[in-house]
N, C-alpha and C. Protein backbone atom coordinates (compact mmCIF):
# COMPACT_ATOMS: atom_id res chain seq x y z
N MET A 1 34.30 -49.62 -105.11
CA MET A 1 35.03 -49.35 -103.26
C MET A 1 35.97 -50.48 -102.87
N GLU A 2 36.53 -50.49 -102.35
CA GLU A 2 37.28 -51.88 -101.68
C GLU A 2 36.40 -51.63 -99.94
N PRO A 3 36.06 -53.03 -99.84
CA PRO A 3 35.44 -53.52 -98.84
C PRO A 3 36.68 -53.44 -97.62
N SER A 4 35.88 -53.00 -96.64
CA SER A 4 36.85 -52.50 -95.23
C SER A 4 35.49 -53.64 -94.41
N MET A 5 36.89 -53.39 -93.12
CA MET A 5 35.94 -54.87 -92.74
C MET A 5 34.44 -53.83 -91.55
N GLU A 6 34.61 -52.88 -91.63
CA GLU A 6 33.46 -51.67 -91.19
C GLU A 6 32.07 -51.93 -92.17
N TYR A 7 32.50 -51.88 -93.12
CA TYR A 7 31.23 -52.42 -94.76
C TYR A 7 31.01 -53.74 -94.28
N CYS A 8 31.81 -54.67 -94.13
CA CYS A 8 31.85 -56.00 -94.63
C CYS A 8 31.26 -56.33 -93.32
N LEU A 9 30.95 -55.76 -91.91
CA LEU A 9 30.09 -56.26 -90.61
C LEU A 9 28.82 -55.57 -90.86
N ALA A 10 28.80 -54.24 -91.11
CA ALA A 10 27.61 -53.63 -92.05
C ALA A 10 26.87 -54.48 -93.18
N GLN A 11 27.29 -55.23 -93.68
CA GLN A 11 26.86 -56.18 -94.55
C GLN A 11 26.54 -57.43 -94.13
N VAL A 12 26.86 -57.76 -92.83
CA VAL A 12 26.46 -59.40 -92.55
C VAL A 12 25.47 -58.82 -91.32
N LEU A 13 25.04 -57.70 -91.00
CA LEU A 13 24.46 -57.74 -89.90
C LEU A 13 22.98 -56.46 -90.90
N GLN A 14 22.46 -56.66 -91.84
CA GLN A 14 21.75 -56.50 -92.25
C GLN A 14 20.19 -57.19 -92.63
N LYS A 15 19.32 -57.14 -92.25
CA LYS A 15 17.89 -57.44 -92.57
C LYS A 15 17.71 -57.64 -93.49
N ASP A 16 17.71 -57.42 -94.77
CA ASP A 16 17.28 -57.50 -96.67
C ASP A 16 18.18 -58.84 -96.76
N VAL A 17 17.59 -59.77 -97.31
CA VAL A 17 17.88 -61.09 -97.85
C VAL A 17 18.25 -60.73 -98.57
N GLY A 18 17.81 -60.28 -100.12
CA GLY A 18 18.30 -59.95 -101.06
C GLY A 18 19.49 -59.39 -101.07
N LYS A 19 20.08 -58.57 -99.86
CA LYS A 19 20.95 -57.68 -100.35
C LYS A 19 22.45 -58.63 -99.29
N ARG A 20 21.63 -59.95 -98.63
CA ARG A 20 22.31 -60.80 -97.71
C ARG A 20 22.96 -61.81 -99.08
N LEU A 21 22.00 -62.39 -99.75
CA LEU A 21 22.76 -63.26 -100.77
C LEU A 21 23.94 -62.21 -101.99
N GLN A 22 23.69 -60.95 -102.51
CA GLN A 22 24.37 -60.16 -102.75
C GLN A 22 26.21 -60.00 -102.68
N VAL A 23 25.70 -60.15 -101.72
CA VAL A 23 26.96 -59.50 -100.30
C VAL A 23 28.12 -60.91 -100.11
N GLY A 24 27.47 -62.22 -100.43
CA GLY A 24 28.06 -63.58 -99.79
C GLY A 24 29.25 -63.09 -100.30
N GLN A 25 29.24 -63.32 -101.64
CA GLN A 25 30.71 -63.59 -102.83
C GLN A 25 31.34 -62.27 -102.22
N GLU A 26 30.70 -61.37 -102.12
CA GLU A 26 31.91 -60.34 -101.85
C GLU A 26 32.63 -60.50 -100.21
N LEU A 27 31.78 -60.56 -99.98
CA LEU A 27 32.99 -61.20 -98.33
C LEU A 27 33.58 -62.79 -98.97
N ILE A 28 33.43 -63.87 -99.14
CA ILE A 28 34.23 -64.34 -99.16
C ILE A 28 35.93 -63.92 -100.32
N ASP A 29 35.36 -63.28 -100.68
CA ASP A 29 36.47 -62.78 -101.30
C ASP A 29 37.63 -61.90 -100.44
N TYR A 30 36.59 -61.00 -100.22
CA TYR A 30 37.40 -60.06 -98.99
C TYR A 30 38.21 -61.00 -98.17
N PHE A 31 37.61 -61.92 -97.39
CA PHE A 31 38.55 -63.04 -96.59
C PHE A 31 39.22 -63.53 -96.99
N SER A 32 39.60 -64.18 -98.55
CA SER A 32 40.66 -64.66 -98.64
C SER A 32 41.90 -64.21 -99.22
N ASP A 33 41.59 -62.89 -100.07
CA ASP A 33 42.47 -61.85 -100.05
C ASP A 33 43.64 -61.28 -98.53
N LYS A 34 44.73 -61.43 -98.50
CA LYS A 34 45.02 -61.25 -97.75
C LYS A 34 45.57 -59.67 -97.81
N GLN A 35 45.68 -59.32 -98.57
CA GLN A 35 45.53 -57.85 -98.89
C GLN A 35 44.99 -57.10 -98.76
N LYS A 36 43.51 -57.13 -99.07
CA LYS A 36 42.47 -56.64 -98.32
C LYS A 36 42.25 -56.64 -97.15
N SER A 37 42.35 -57.82 -96.49
CA SER A 37 41.56 -58.37 -95.24
C SER A 37 42.96 -57.98 -94.26
N ASN A 38 44.02 -57.33 -94.63
CA ASN A 38 44.72 -57.56 -92.99
C ASN A 38 44.59 -57.02 -91.86
N ASP A 39 43.35 -55.95 -91.72
CA ASP A 39 43.06 -55.76 -90.88
C ASP A 39 42.24 -56.90 -90.23
N LEU A 40 41.59 -57.67 -90.37
CA LEU A 40 41.46 -58.78 -89.70
C LEU A 40 42.11 -59.58 -88.51
N GLU A 41 43.24 -59.24 -88.48
CA GLU A 41 44.44 -59.74 -87.66
C GLU A 41 44.29 -59.10 -86.10
N HIS A 42 44.15 -57.03 -87.08
CA HIS A 42 44.91 -56.49 -85.70
C HIS A 42 43.43 -56.19 -85.13
N ASP A 43 41.86 -56.37 -85.38
CA ASP A 43 41.24 -55.84 -84.66
C ASP A 43 39.81 -57.03 -84.37
N GLN A 44 40.61 -57.52 -83.28
CA GLN A 44 39.91 -58.84 -82.70
C GLN A 44 38.44 -58.44 -82.36
N THR A 45 38.30 -57.68 -82.02
CA THR A 45 36.21 -57.20 -81.72
C THR A 45 35.71 -56.99 -82.47
N MET A 46 36.53 -56.92 -83.81
CA MET A 46 35.55 -56.43 -84.67
C MET A 46 35.77 -58.07 -85.72
N LEU A 47 36.54 -58.94 -85.25
CA LEU A 47 36.02 -59.54 -86.02
C LEU A 47 35.39 -60.54 -85.04
N ASP A 48 35.04 -60.38 -83.93
CA ASP A 48 34.47 -61.29 -82.93
C ASP A 48 33.05 -61.01 -83.67
N LYS A 49 32.63 -59.55 -83.69
CA LYS A 49 31.00 -58.56 -84.08
C LYS A 49 30.92 -59.94 -85.39
N MET A 50 31.90 -59.49 -86.28
CA MET A 50 31.59 -60.26 -87.29
C MET A 50 31.29 -62.28 -88.02
N VAL A 51 32.14 -62.65 -86.91
CA VAL A 51 31.58 -64.52 -86.62
C VAL A 51 30.26 -64.47 -85.95
N ASP A 52 30.02 -63.39 -85.39
CA ASP A 52 28.44 -63.23 -84.38
C ASP A 52 27.35 -63.21 -84.91
N GLY A 53 27.56 -62.25 -85.88
CA GLY A 53 26.65 -62.24 -86.48
C GLY A 53 26.53 -63.13 -87.99
N LEU A 54 27.49 -63.53 -88.26
CA LEU A 54 27.21 -64.74 -89.66
C LEU A 54 26.77 -65.79 -88.60
N ALA A 55 26.80 -65.91 -87.71
CA ALA A 55 26.51 -66.93 -86.94
C ALA A 55 24.77 -66.91 -86.34
N THR A 56 24.84 -65.96 -86.27
CA THR A 56 23.53 -65.66 -85.08
C THR A 56 22.69 -65.10 -86.88
N SER A 57 22.59 -64.73 -87.52
CA SER A 57 21.92 -64.20 -88.60
C SER A 57 22.14 -64.77 -89.98
N TRP A 58 23.38 -65.68 -90.18
CA TRP A 58 23.02 -65.95 -91.50
C TRP A 58 22.53 -67.57 -91.43
N VAL A 59 23.74 -68.47 -90.62
CA VAL A 59 23.79 -69.48 -90.26
C VAL A 59 22.08 -69.97 -89.69
N ASN A 60 21.70 -69.46 -88.83
CA ASN A 60 20.59 -69.25 -88.34
C ASN A 60 18.90 -68.86 -88.75
N SER A 61 19.47 -68.56 -89.95
CA SER A 61 18.31 -67.75 -91.17
C SER A 61 17.54 -68.52 -91.49
N SER A 62 16.23 -68.63 -91.75
CA SER A 62 15.07 -69.37 -92.41
C SER A 62 15.84 -69.34 -93.84
N ASN A 63 16.29 -68.69 -94.33
CA ASN A 63 16.43 -68.94 -95.57
C ASN A 63 17.60 -69.54 -96.26
N TYR A 64 17.11 -70.93 -96.91
CA TYR A 64 18.33 -71.85 -97.32
C TYR A 64 19.95 -70.95 -98.10
N LYS A 65 19.55 -70.50 -98.53
CA LYS A 65 20.48 -70.12 -99.73
C LYS A 65 21.13 -68.93 -98.93
N VAL A 66 20.24 -68.02 -97.76
CA VAL A 66 21.77 -67.22 -96.90
C VAL A 66 22.52 -68.51 -96.24
N ARG A 67 21.70 -69.30 -95.44
CA ARG A 67 22.82 -70.89 -94.67
C ARG A 67 23.61 -70.64 -95.83
N LEU A 68 23.47 -71.34 -96.86
CA LEU A 68 24.75 -71.46 -97.69
C LEU A 68 25.88 -70.84 -97.56
């Protein structure tokens, strides 16, 4: 399954730390590939939610591996 912006946002907002750790590389790959992430430029609202989710639930996480 090719990740989409909606899928990535759902992964970012989930509470399960183990799943966050597993999806980290998938998110990096998605954001790095312009063909896969071409919808980033067109959906500013979704991108804002993604950044907010990463900042609030990942960067501020008590688990140091998630923060990395």
